[in-house]
Amino acid sequence: MVLRVQWLICILLLITSCATTRSWRTKDPSKSSAGGVVSIESRNGTTPLILSKSAATTNMEFGPQPEGRVELTSPLDQNQAAIKRKVITLIFSPGLVRAVGQIALIRELEQQQVDIHIVSGSGIGALLATLYAAGKTPDQIEWFFYRLLGELEGSSPFTAQWIKIVRRHLLREFAGKTIQSLGKAVVIPLYDRKSQEVVYFQRGQIVTLLLRNFKLYGVESGVRYSTAFQWRVFNSDIYNKMGSELIVGVNAVGEEIKFLGKNEFLFGVMGNLSGKIKREGTVLDLYIALPVDSSFLDSGRRLPEIIRDCRLSSQKGVMQLKQIVLTSKGRYNDTKERED
């Protein structure tokens, strides 16, 4: 009798053990990859999970893990869920000090509860994208730039002294951190002088990638990677391949290029950028041009005014974004509307 009881106990333990082991197994997300440059999983209202080409074999994940299903309880909730389900890419604009005006757009996105799944940018836009992806609030981002621009005042942009100051602030904020560890999927473009093309990074040390964003082509020799905005700002094709369903680009460069200090080289670089960013914006789903022409590109003395001036345009842009998502309409271009 005792022997039978012991056998029954052993069988029960074995069954329990097997059931527990099966419950801890998780699906390998890399097996759903299409094998392209990247793939994004964004079902059931989830945040996208980016996998690199190599991740198909290594199962290395970049970007946040997908979350659970969105429960619908009212028409308003259904609208909000539709916005959450849409994989939206936001490309922040370069533009030195003027680029800080995009904080107003971040604030509006937070207030309207619009989830951005993929963020990107070049120059100061890359720094803004990283701070936003790291979960910093608009107030925290504004304070970061208040301190940074205060130290940069009087320094010529992209010089060794200017980059030294930027590096100190980046180390204080991001030392040892990687872009794949942030709360949103981040893509940082850089120009590769060896291959002579723009490369889109989805992993790597934050400080290293951002500092390379402040290297200009034609200034330093022997540097392989430099900022991408001298070549390309809005590349809708690459983000479509990543699985983006809606691409939003911001122009914080403006049309009137002016510096407080004299710098003919930078005047030429930013002048070319002004025309480039406007042309490339015509192929985006939504192009938001911020009113920044009244500010200098190299002075942060009007930082609060820059952000305030961009508030109304940001509110309008976010409302247009929500409308595009809810009506499944794309290719809204603010510049075209004004010209018509």
Protein backbone atom coordinates (compact mmCIF):
# COMPACT_ATOMS: atom_id res chain seq x y z
CA MET A 1 0.00 0.00 0.00
CA VAL A 2 2.79 2.38 0.95
CA LEU A 3 4.59 1.55 -2.29
CA ARG A 4 1.51 2.43 -4.36
CA VAL A 5 1.13 5.79 -2.60
CA GLN A 6 4.79 6.58 -3.31
CA TRP A 7 4.33 5.76 -7.00
CA LEU A 8 1.25 7.99 -7.20
CA ILE A 9 3.15 10.88 -5.59
CA CYS A 10 6.02 10.46 -8.08
CA ILE A 11 3.62 10.47 -11.05
CA LEU A 12 1.83 13.61 -9.79
CA LEU A 13 5.16 15.44 -9.31
CA LEU A 14 6.27 14.49 -12.82
CA ILE A 15 3.04 15.79 -14.37
CA THR A 16 3.27 19.07 -12.43
CA SER A 17 6.90 19.55 -13.46
CA CYS A 18 6.15 19.09 -17.16
CA ALA A 19 3.22 21.51 -17.06
CA THR A 20 5.35 24.17 -15.34
CA THR A 21 8.13 23.85 -17.93
CA ARG A 22 5.75 24.36 -20.86
CA SER A 23 4.19 27.47 -19.31
CA TRP A 24 7.56 29.29 -19.26
CA ARG A 25 8.29 28.80 -22.95
CA THR A 26 8.08 31.93 -25.12
CA LYS A 27 7.72 32.28 -28.85
CA ASP A 28 10.91 33.20 -30.69
CA PRO A 29 10.05 36.56 -32.36
CA SER A 30 12.87 36.21 -34.87
CA LYS A 31 11.06 33.35 -36.63
CA SER A 32 8.42 35.78 -37.88
CA SER A 33 11.06 37.98 -39.51
CA ALA A 34 10.78 38.39 -43.26
CA GLY A 35 14.56 38.41 -43.53
CA GLY A 36 14.83 42.02 -44.74
CA VAL A 37 16.96 44.78 -43.34
CA VAL A 38 14.66 45.06 -40.34
CA SER A 39 11.19 43.90 -39.38
CA ILE A 40 8.70 45.36 -36.95
CA GLU A 41 6.06 43.45 -35.04
CA SER A 42 3.12 45.71 -34.15
CA ARG A 43 -0.02 43.65 -33.73
CA ASN A 44 -2.90 44.27 -31.31
CA GLY A 45 -1.94 47.83 -30.55
CA THR A 46 1.57 46.96 -29.43
CA THR A 47 4.75 48.96 -29.47
CA PRO A 48 6.99 47.75 -32.31
CA LEU A 49 9.84 45.37 -31.75
CA ILE A 50 12.73 45.98 -34.14
CA LEU A 51 14.88 43.10 -35.25
CA SER A 52 18.06 43.59 -37.24
CA LYS A 53 18.98 41.31 -40.14
CA SER A 54 21.37 39.42 -37.88
CA ALA A 55 18.65 39.10 -35.25
CA ALA A 56 16.91 36.52 -37.43
CA THR A 57 19.55 34.03 -36.31
CA THR A 58 20.72 35.44 -32.99
CA ASN A 59 17.30 36.48 -31.62
CA MET A 60 18.85 39.75 -30.47
CA GLU A 61 16.10 42.30 -29.90
CA PHE A 62 16.30 46.06 -30.42
CA GLY A 63 13.63 48.39 -29.12
CA PRO A 64 10.89 47.77 -26.56
CA GLN A 65 9.01 44.53 -26.11
CA PRO A 66 5.42 44.38 -27.42
CA GLU A 67 2.70 45.01 -24.85
CA GLY A 68 -0.78 43.55 -24.44
CA ARG A 69 -4.01 44.06 -26.36
CA VAL A 70 -5.88 47.38 -26.09
CA GLU A 71 -9.37 46.88 -24.66
CA LEU A 72 -12.12 48.92 -26.35
CA THR A 73 -14.87 50.33 -24.16
CA SER A 74 -16.21 53.38 -26.03
CA PRO A 75 -15.97 55.17 -29.42
CA LEU A 76 -13.35 57.49 -27.90
CA ASP A 77 -11.34 54.49 -26.72
CA GLN A 78 -11.63 52.99 -30.21
CA ASN A 79 -10.17 56.15 -31.75
CA GLN A 80 -7.33 56.15 -29.25
CA ALA A 81 -6.69 52.46 -29.88
CA ALA A 82 -6.54 53.09 -33.64
CA ILE A 83 -3.86 55.70 -33.03
CA LYS A 84 -1.93 53.31 -30.80
CA ARG A 85 -2.11 50.50 -33.37
CA LYS A 86 -0.70 52.61 -36.20
CA VAL A 87 3.09 52.25 -36.43
CA ILE A 88 4.16 55.90 -36.60
CA THR A 89 7.68 57.13 -37.32
CA LEU A 90 8.65 60.65 -36.26
CA ILE A 91 11.76 62.16 -37.84
CA PHE A 92 13.10 65.11 -35.86
CA SER A 93 14.69 67.92 -37.81
CA PRO A 94 18.24 69.23 -37.52
CA GLY A 95 18.59 72.98 -37.20
CA LEU A 96 20.98 73.68 -34.30
CA VAL A 97 19.24 75.91 -31.73
CA ARG A 98 16.08 76.19 -33.83
CA ALA A 99 15.62 72.41 -33.59
CA VAL A 100 14.81 72.83 -29.89
CA GLY A 101 11.43 74.25 -30.95
CA GLN A 102 10.38 70.65 -31.56
CA ILE A 103 9.98 70.28 -27.79
CA ALA A 104 6.60 71.95 -28.33
CA LEU A 105 5.65 69.07 -30.63
CA ILE A 106 6.74 66.48 -28.05
CA ARG A 107 4.62 68.24 -25.43
CA GLU A 108 1.58 68.19 -27.71
CA LEU A 109 2.05 64.50 -28.53
CA GLU A 110 2.16 63.72 -24.82
CA GLN A 111 -0.93 65.79 -24.05
CA GLN A 112 -2.90 64.26 -26.93
CA GLN A 113 -1.71 60.74 -25.97
CA VAL A 114 -0.35 59.98 -29.43
CA ASP A 115 2.11 57.11 -29.32
CA ILE A 116 5.17 57.41 -31.55
CA HIS A 117 6.75 54.02 -32.12
CA ILE A 118 9.92 54.84 -34.07
CA VAL A 119 11.95 58.03 -33.62
CA SER A 120 14.80 59.27 -35.72
CA GLY A 121 16.70 62.45 -36.50
CA SER A 122 20.02 63.95 -37.48
CA GLY A 123 22.10 66.68 -35.86
CA ILE A 124 20.26 68.13 -32.87
CA GLY A 125 17.26 66.15 -34.10
CA ALA A 126 19.08 62.92 -33.20
CA LEU A 127 19.64 64.22 -29.68
CA LEU A 128 15.97 65.18 -29.34
CA ALA A 129 14.88 61.75 -30.61
CA THR A 130 17.12 60.02 -28.07
CA LEU A 131 15.93 62.10 -25.13
CA TYR A 132 12.31 61.50 -26.14
CA ALA A 133 12.89 57.74 -26.54
CA ALA A 134 14.56 57.67 -23.13
CA GLY A 135 11.27 58.74 -21.56
CA LYS A 136 12.26 62.28 -20.68
CA THR A 137 9.33 64.66 -20.19
CA PRO A 138 9.12 67.86 -22.27
CA ASP A 139 10.12 69.86 -19.16
CA GLN A 140 13.16 67.65 -18.59
CA ILE A 141 14.19 67.96 -22.24
CA GLU A 142 13.79 71.73 -22.12
CA TRP A 143 15.90 71.93 -18.96
CA PHE A 144 18.59 69.77 -20.59
CA PHE A 145 18.85 72.19 -23.52
CA TYR A 146 18.65 75.23 -21.25
CA ARG A 147 21.84 74.09 -19.54
CA LEU A 148 23.53 72.89 -22.74
CA LEU A 149 22.80 76.01 -24.79
CA GLY A 150 23.83 78.22 -21.90
CA GLU A 151 27.33 76.73 -22.06
CA LEU A 152 27.40 76.72 -25.86
CA GLU A 153 26.53 80.41 -26.15
CA GLY A 154 29.34 82.16 -27.98
CA SER A 155 30.91 78.95 -29.34
CA SER A 156 30.84 78.36 -33.08
CA PRO A 157 28.77 75.24 -33.91
CA PHE A 158 30.61 72.00 -34.74
CA THR A 159 34.01 73.31 -33.64
CA ALA A 160 36.23 71.28 -31.27
CA GLN A 161 35.26 73.46 -28.28
CA TRP A 162 31.54 73.22 -29.14
CA ILE A 163 31.72 69.41 -29.44
CA LYS A 164 33.68 69.17 -26.18
CA ILE A 165 30.85 70.89 -24.32
CA VAL A 166 28.22 68.72 -26.00
CA ARG A 167 30.18 65.58 -25.15
CA ARG A 168 30.29 66.49 -21.45
CA HIS A 169 26.50 66.85 -21.34
CA LEU A 170 25.95 63.63 -23.28
CA LEU A 171 28.16 61.67 -20.90
CA ARG A 172 26.29 63.07 -17.93
CA GLU A 173 22.99 61.90 -19.42
CA PHE A 174 23.80 58.74 -21.40
CA ALA A 175 27.16 57.29 -20.27
CA GLY A 176 27.20 53.53 -20.89
CA LYS A 177 23.69 53.44 -22.40
CA THR A 178 22.70 52.03 -25.79
CA ILE A 179 19.94 53.09 -28.17
CA GLN A 180 18.46 49.58 -28.21
CA SER A 181 17.82 49.82 -24.46
CA LEU A 182 15.54 52.88 -24.69
CA GLY A 183 11.77 52.90 -24.32
CA LYS A 184 11.09 53.59 -28.00
CA ALA A 185 12.68 52.22 -31.14
CA VAL A 186 15.43 54.62 -32.25
CA VAL A 187 17.08 54.92 -35.66
CA ILE A 188 20.12 57.20 -36.01
CA PRO A 189 21.34 57.88 -39.57
CA LEU A 190 25.00 58.63 -40.28
CA TYR A 191 26.90 59.19 -43.50
CA ASP A 192 29.50 56.49 -44.13
CA ARG A 193 32.40 58.01 -46.08
CA LYS A 194 33.74 54.55 -46.95
CA SER A 195 30.58 53.29 -48.66
CA GLN A 196 29.46 56.82 -49.57
CA GLU A 197 25.91 56.24 -48.38
CA VAL A 198 23.74 56.96 -45.38
CA VAL A 199 23.65 54.10 -42.87
CA TYR A 200 20.77 53.72 -40.37
CA PHE A 201 21.87 52.50 -36.93
CA GLN A 202 19.41 50.72 -34.62
CA ARG A 203 21.95 49.72 -31.99
CA GLY A 204 25.13 51.12 -30.46
CA GLN A 205 26.44 53.41 -27.75
CA ILE A 206 24.33 56.56 -27.51
CA VAL A 207 27.18 58.97 -26.83
CA THR A 208 29.28 57.65 -29.72
CA LEU A 209 26.44 57.80 -32.26
CA LEU A 210 25.31 61.27 -31.19
CA LEU A 211 28.82 62.71 -31.27
CA ARG A 212 29.24 61.42 -34.82
CA ASN A 213 26.07 63.36 -35.66
CA PHE A 214 28.00 66.55 -34.97
CA LYS A 215 30.83 65.79 -37.40
CA LEU A 216 30.48 67.66 -40.68
CA TYR A 217 31.69 66.27 -43.97
CA GLY A 218 34.43 68.46 -45.40
CA VAL A 219 35.69 69.68 -42.02
CA GLU A 220 37.62 66.78 -40.50
CA SER A 221 39.65 64.23 -42.44
CA GLY A 222 40.10 60.64 -41.33
CA VAL A 223 36.63 60.39 -39.77
CA ARG A 224 34.53 57.60 -41.29
CA TYR A 225 31.07 58.62 -40.05
CA SER A 226 29.59 62.10 -40.13
CA THR A 227 26.15 63.67 -39.83
CA ALA A 228 23.58 62.50 -42.38
CA PHE A 229 21.74 65.79 -42.88
CA GLN A 230 24.25 67.01 -45.46
CA TRP A 231 23.01 64.16 -47.67
CA ARG A 232 19.54 63.08 -46.58
CA VAL A 233 16.98 64.08 -43.92
CA PHE A 234 13.72 62.29 -44.77
CA ASN A 235 14.16 58.86 -46.34
CA SER A 236 10.64 57.46 -46.41
CA ASP A 237 11.72 54.28 -48.23
CA ILE A 238 13.97 53.07 -45.41
CA TYR A 239 11.28 53.59 -42.74
CA ASN A 240 8.66 51.88 -44.89
CA LYS A 241 10.96 48.87 -45.09
CA MET A 242 11.13 48.93 -41.30
CA GLY A 243 7.36 48.47 -41.21
CA SER A 244 6.32 52.05 -40.57
CA GLU A 245 2.73 52.75 -41.58
CA LEU A 246 2.86 56.52 -41.24
CA ILE A 247 5.92 58.80 -41.49
CA VAL A 248 5.99 62.29 -39.98
CA GLY A 249 8.81 64.72 -40.68
CA VAL A 250 9.48 68.05 -39.00
CA ASN A 251 11.22 71.10 -40.45
CA ALA A 252 12.90 73.21 -37.77
CA VAL A 253 15.54 74.65 -40.10
CA GLY A 254 13.37 77.36 -41.60
CA GLU A 255 13.86 79.32 -44.78
CA GLU A 256 15.74 82.40 -43.56
CA ILE A 257 19.24 81.30 -42.53
CA LYS A 258 20.92 83.61 -40.04
CA PHE A 259 23.71 83.29 -37.52
CA LEU A 260 24.66 85.59 -34.69
CA GLY A 261 28.32 84.87 -35.42
CA LYS A 262 29.93 84.99 -38.86
CA ASN A 263 30.42 81.56 -40.45
CA GLU A 264 30.22 81.39 -44.23
CA PHE A 265 30.74 77.61 -44.37
CA LEU A 266 27.86 76.92 -41.98
CA PHE A 267 25.72 79.46 -43.81
CA GLY A 268 26.20 77.42 -46.98
CA VAL A 269 25.56 74.08 -45.23
CA MET A 270 22.35 75.24 -43.58
CA GLY A 271 21.21 77.05 -46.73
CA ASN A 272 21.48 73.80 -48.70
CA LEU A 273 19.74 71.95 -45.89
CA SER A 274 16.84 74.41 -45.93
CA GLY A 275 16.03 73.59 -49.56
CA LYS A 276 16.71 69.86 -49.17
CA ILE A 277 14.41 69.34 -46.19
CA LYS A 278 11.53 71.13 -47.89
CA ARG A 279 11.87 69.05 -51.07
CA GLU A 280 12.12 65.75 -49.21
CA GLY A 281 9.12 66.64 -47.05
CA THR A 282 6.75 66.44 -50.02
CA VAL A 283 6.81 62.62 -50.03
CA LEU A 284 6.00 62.18 -46.33
CA ASP A 285 2.59 61.29 -44.91
CA LEU A 286 2.75 64.43 -42.79
CA TYR A 287 5.20 67.32 -43.02
CA ILE A 288 5.21 69.88 -40.20
CA ALA A 289 7.03 73.17 -40.80
CA LEU A 290 7.71 75.09 -37.59
CA PRO A 291 7.94 78.93 -37.52
CA VAL A 292 11.59 79.38 -36.51
CA ASP A 293 12.85 82.07 -38.89
CA SER A 294 12.87 84.78 -36.22
CA SER A 295 15.61 82.98 -34.25
CA PHE A 296 19.34 82.67 -34.82
CA LEU A 297 20.67 79.17 -35.51
CA ASP A 298 23.59 79.59 -33.09
CA SER A 299 22.11 81.40 -30.09
CA GLY A 300 19.92 79.99 -27.32
CA ARG A 301 19.04 83.34 -25.75
CA ARG A 302 15.48 83.07 -27.07
CA LEU A 303 14.97 79.44 -26.08
CA PRO A 304 11.60 79.94 -24.29
CA GLU A 305 10.33 82.09 -27.16
CA ILE A 306 11.40 79.52 -29.78
CA ILE A 307 9.41 76.78 -28.04
CA ARG A 308 6.42 79.09 -27.49
CA ASP A 309 6.40 80.18 -31.16
CA CYS A 310 6.23 76.54 -32.25
CA ARG A 311 3.30 75.67 -30.01
CA LEU A 312 0.42 76.48 -32.38
CA SER A 313 2.05 74.76 -35.36
CA SER A 314 2.66 71.70 -33.16
CA GLN A 315 -0.96 71.62 -32.03
CA LYS A 316 -2.14 71.82 -35.63
CA GLY A 317 0.34 69.13 -36.69
CA VAL A 318 -0.79 66.66 -34.02
CA MET A 319 -4.45 67.22 -34.89
CA GLN A 320 -3.64 66.52 -38.55
CA LEU A 321 -1.75 63.39 -37.51
CA LYS A 322 -4.71 62.06 -35.54
CA GLN A 323 -7.03 62.80 -38.46
CA ILE A 324 -4.79 60.93 -40.90
CA VAL A 325 -4.72 57.89 -38.61
CA LEU A 326 -8.47 57.81 -38.06
CA THR A 327 -9.35 58.30 -41.74
CA SER A 328 -6.47 56.16 -43.08
CA LYS A 329 -5.52 59.14 -45.21
CA GLY A 330 -1.89 59.91 -45.96
CA ARG A 331 0.30 62.31 -47.86
CA TYR A 332 -0.84 65.42 -46.01
CA ASN A 333 1.58 68.24 -46.76
CA ASP A 334 1.20 71.50 -44.89
CA THR A 335 3.26 73.40 -47.47
CA LYS A 336 1.03 72.26 -50.34
CA GLU A 337 -2.08 73.28 -48.43
CA ARG A 338 -0.80 76.81 -47.90
CA GLU A 339 0.23 77.13 -51.55
CA ASP A 340 -3.22 75.96 -52.75
